[in-house]
Amino acid sequence: MDPRPAREVIDAAIRENRGWEYVCYGLVITFALVGVIVIGSGVYHGNGLIALSGSVASALFWPALRCAIAIRRENMAIRLLEVALTHAKTAEQAAKAVKDAFVSQFGKGKGDGVPKS
């Protein structure tokens, strides 16, 4: 059985991430709309507590947006890895491309965790 081509594996990984990206965007829109509507309702009725609860709902917009941005960034890193792997002529070049991608994506201030060769 032949191994799957890198492009097919990368496309599958991005497809798997895409659903969660859409969930995050949906939450961003939902939290923003609910927050604005509840704040408007609180202002209309002159109730500060309702307006405050609307601002809490609006604040939930930020974590969802951060998750969506992180997923998008990971998808772009996967695509950039595909480019590097496509241009690799030897197994050593491909291994270096994979190592560099993992260090840049997962080694942010945590030590790269990759043994030195």
C-alpha atoms as a PDB file:
ATOM      1  CA  MET A   1       0.000   0.000   0.000  1.00  0.00           C
ATOM      2  CA  ASP A   2       1.426   3.356  -1.056  1.00  0.00           C
ATOM      3  CA  PRO A   3       1.559   6.148   1.518  1.00  0.00           C
ATOM      4  CA  ARG A   4      -0.768   9.042   0.901  1.00  0.00           C
ATOM      5  CA  PRO A   5       0.780  12.080  -0.781  1.00  0.00           C
ATOM      6  CA  ALA A   6       1.651  14.998   1.516  1.00  0.00           C
ATOM      7  CA  ARG A   7      -0.898  17.251  -0.200  1.00  0.00           C
ATOM      8  CA  GLU A   8      -3.720  14.787   0.547  1.00  0.00           C
ATOM      9  CA  VAL A   9      -2.722  14.527   4.220  1.00  0.00           C
ATOM     10  CA  ILE A  10      -2.444  18.313   4.561  1.00  0.00           C
ATOM     11  CA  ASP A  11      -5.803  18.882   2.865  1.00  0.00           C
ATOM     12  CA  ALA A  12      -7.395  16.390   5.271  1.00  0.00           C
ATOM     13  CA  ALA A  13      -5.862  18.146   8.293  1.00  0.00           C
ATOM     14  CA  ILE A  14      -7.165  21.516   7.140  1.00  0.00           C
ATOM     15  CA  ARG A  15     -10.609  20.034   6.446  1.00  0.00           C
ATOM     16  CA  GLU A  16     -10.686  18.701  10.003  1.00  0.00           C
ATOM     17  CA  ASN A  17      -9.810  22.150  11.381  1.00  0.00           C
ATOM     18  CA  ARG A  18     -12.327  23.950   9.182  1.00  0.00           C
ATOM     19  CA  GLY A  19     -15.386  22.830  11.171  1.00  0.00           C
ATOM     20  CA  TRP A  20     -13.990  24.164  14.444  1.00  0.00           C
ATOM     21  CA  GLU A  21     -13.033  27.393  12.710  1.00  0.00           C
ATOM     22  CA  TYR A  22     -16.661  27.848  11.611  1.00  0.00           C
ATOM     23  CA  VAL A  23     -17.881  27.047  15.138  1.00  0.00           C
ATOM     24  CA  CYS A  24     -15.616  29.778  16.517  1.00  0.00           C
ATOM     25  CA  TYR A  25     -16.806  32.311  13.924  1.00  0.00           C
ATOM     26  CA  GLY A  26     -20.415  31.405  14.741  1.00  0.00           C
ATOM     27  CA  LEU A  27     -19.744  31.971  18.439  1.00  0.00           C
ATOM     28  CA  VAL A  28     -18.088  35.317  17.688  1.00  0.00           C
ATOM     29  CA  ILE A  29     -21.166  36.473  15.786  1.00  0.00           C
ATOM     30  CA  THR A  30     -23.579  35.058  18.366  1.00  0.00           C
ATOM     31  CA  PHE A  31     -21.852  36.603  21.389  1.00  0.00           C
ATOM     32  CA  ALA A  32     -21.472  39.968  19.674  1.00  0.00           C
ATOM     33  CA  LEU A  33     -25.110  40.104  18.545  1.00  0.00           C
ATOM     34  CA  VAL A  34     -26.546  38.876  21.835  1.00  0.00           C
ATOM     35  CA  GLY A  35     -24.379  41.326  23.752  1.00  0.00           C
ATOM     36  CA  VAL A  36     -25.399  44.300  21.638  1.00  0.00           C
ATOM     37  CA  ILE A  37     -29.078  43.349  21.778  1.00  0.00           C
ATOM     38  CA  VAL A  38     -29.021  42.867  25.569  1.00  0.00           C
ATOM     39  CA  ILE A  39     -27.120  46.135  26.088  1.00  0.00           C
ATOM     40  CA  GLY A  40     -29.663  47.932  23.887  1.00  0.00           C
ATOM     41  CA  SER A  41     -32.512  46.333  25.805  1.00  0.00           C
ATOM     42  CA  GLY A  42     -30.974  47.411  29.117  1.00  0.00           C
ATOM     43  CA  VAL A  43     -30.590  50.969  27.887  1.00  0.00           C
ATOM     44  CA  TYR A  44     -34.129  51.041  26.494  1.00  0.00           C
ATOM     45  CA  HIS A  45     -35.616  49.774  29.765  1.00  0.00           C
ATOM     46  CA  GLY A  46     -33.263  51.871  31.886  1.00  0.00           C
ATOM     47  CA  ASN A  47     -31.939  48.809  33.718  1.00  0.00           C
ATOM     48  CA  GLY A  48     -28.195  48.888  34.336  1.00  0.00           C
ATOM     49  CA  LEU A  49     -28.057  45.257  35.420  1.00  0.00           C
ATOM     50  CA  ILE A  50     -29.402  44.078  32.058  1.00  0.00           C
ATOM     51  CA  ALA A  51     -26.899  46.300  30.252  1.00  0.00           C
ATOM     52  CA  LEU A  52     -24.106  44.881  32.402  1.00  0.00           C
ATOM     53  CA  SER A  53     -25.099  41.323  31.528  1.00  0.00           C
ATOM     54  CA  GLY A  54     -25.001  42.324  27.861  1.00  0.00           C
ATOM     55  CA  SER A  55     -21.456  43.551  28.251  1.00  0.00           C
ATOM     56  CA  VAL A  56     -20.514  40.197  29.818  1.00  0.00           C
ATOM     57  CA  ALA A  57     -22.012  38.404  26.810  1.00  0.00           C
ATOM     58  CA  SER A  58     -20.092  40.726  24.492  1.00  0.00           C
ATOM     59  CA  ALA A  59     -16.874  40.026  26.390  1.00  0.00           C
ATOM     60  CA  LEU A  60     -17.226  36.318  25.523  1.00  0.00           C
ATOM     61  CA  PHE A  61     -16.669  37.402  21.932  1.00  0.00           C
ATOM     62  CA  TRP A  62     -12.899  37.734  22.546  1.00  0.00           C
ATOM     63  CA  PRO A  63     -12.060  34.130  23.532  1.00  0.00           C
ATOM     64  CA  ALA A  64     -14.006  32.800  20.562  1.00  0.00           C
ATOM     65  CA  LEU A  65     -12.231  35.227  18.249  1.00  0.00           C
ATOM     66  CA  ARG A  66      -8.831  34.217  19.674  1.00  0.00           C
ATOM     67  CA  CYS A  67      -9.623  30.552  19.016  1.00  0.00           C
ATOM     68  CA  ALA A  68     -10.710  31.294  15.448  1.00  0.00           C
ATOM     69  CA  ILE A  69      -7.511  33.237  14.807  1.00  0.00           C
ATOM     70  CA  ALA A  70      -5.387  30.429  16.296  1.00  0.00           C
ATOM     71  CA  ILE A  71      -7.076  27.836  14.076  1.00  0.00           C
ATOM     72  CA  ARG A  72      -6.585  30.052  11.039  1.00  0.00           C
ATOM     73  CA  ARG A  73      -2.909  30.527  11.922  1.00  0.00           C
ATOM     74  CA  GLU A  74      -2.431  26.761  12.268  1.00  0.00           C
ATOM     75  CA  ASN A  75      -4.062  26.154   8.888  1.00  0.00           C
ATOM     76  CA  MET A  76      -1.727  28.678   7.296  1.00  0.00           C
ATOM     77  CA  ALA A  77       1.290  27.035   8.969  1.00  0.00           C
ATOM     78  CA  ILE A  78       0.178  23.671   7.574  1.00  0.00           C
ATOM     79  CA  ARG A  79      -0.078  25.168   4.085  1.00  0.00           C
ATOM     80  CA  LEU A  80       3.376  26.752   4.411  1.00  0.00           C
ATOM     81  CA  LEU A  81       4.717  23.361   5.454  1.00  0.00           C
ATOM     82  CA  GLU A  82       3.230  21.925   2.275  1.00  0.00           C
ATOM     83  CA  VAL A  83       5.200  24.462   0.222  1.00  0.00           C
ATOM     84  CA  ALA A  84       8.432  23.631   2.045  1.00  0.00           C
ATOM     85  CA  LEU A  85       7.880  19.901   1.600  1.00  0.00           C
ATOM     86  CA  THR A  86       7.089  20.330  -2.079  1.00  0.00           C
ATOM     87  CA  HIS A  87      10.417  22.073  -2.657  1.00  0.00           C
ATOM     88  CA  ALA A  88      12.456  19.579  -0.597  1.00  0.00           C
ATOM     89  CA  LYS A  89      14.636  17.430  -2.820  1.00  0.00           C
ATOM     90  CA  THR A  90      16.039  15.119  -0.150  1.00  0.00           C
ATOM     91  CA  ALA A  91      14.755  13.434   2.981  1.00  0.00           C
ATOM     92  CA  GLU A  92      17.078  15.658   5.046  1.00  0.00           C
ATOM     93  CA  GLN A  93      15.553  18.812   3.577  1.00  0.00           C
ATOM     94  CA  ALA A  94      12.054  17.487   4.252  1.00  0.00           C
ATOM     95  CA  ALA A  95      12.975  16.571   7.844  1.00  0.00           C
ATOM     96  CA  LYS A  96      14.420  20.054   8.392  1.00  0.00           C
ATOM     97  CA  ALA A  97      11.240  21.651   7.001  1.00  0.00           C
ATOM     98  CA  VAL A  98       9.066  19.581   9.349  1.00  0.00           C
ATOM     99  CA  LYS A  99      11.326  20.334  12.333  1.00  0.00           C
ATOM    100  CA  ASP A 100      11.338  24.076  11.587  1.00  0.00           C
ATOM    101  CA  ALA A 101       7.549  24.079  11.255  1.00  0.00           C
ATOM    102  CA  PHE A 102       7.067  22.300  14.581  1.00  0.00           C
ATOM    103  CA  VAL A 103       9.541  24.547  16.383  1.00  0.00           C
ATOM    104  CA  SER A 104       7.919  27.700  15.014  1.00  0.00           C
ATOM    105  CA  GLN A 105       4.381  26.490  15.766  1.00  0.00           C
ATOM    106  CA  PHE A 106       4.786  24.714  19.100  1.00  0.00           C
ATOM    107  CA  GLY A 107       8.096  25.966  20.503  1.00  0.00           C
ATOM    108  CA  LYS A 108       7.017  29.506  21.360  1.00  0.00           C
ATOM    109  CA  GLY A 109       9.019  30.216  24.501  1.00  0.00           C
ATOM    110  CA  LYS A 110       8.637  26.655  25.782  1.00  0.00           C
ATOM    111  CA  GLY A 111      11.935  25.295  24.527  1.00  0.00           C
ATOM    112  CA  ASP A 112      11.782  23.659  21.167  1.00  0.00           C
ATOM    113  CA  GLY A 113      11.559  20.133  22.604  1.00  0.00           C
ATOM    114  CA  VAL A 114      13.337  18.794  19.545  1.00  0.00           C
ATOM    115  CA  PRO A 115      16.598  16.943  20.118  1.00  0.00           C
ATOM    116  CA  LYS A 116      19.633  18.469  18.442  1.00  0.00           C
ATOM    117  CA  SER A 117      21.127  16.368  15.679  1.00  0.00           C
END
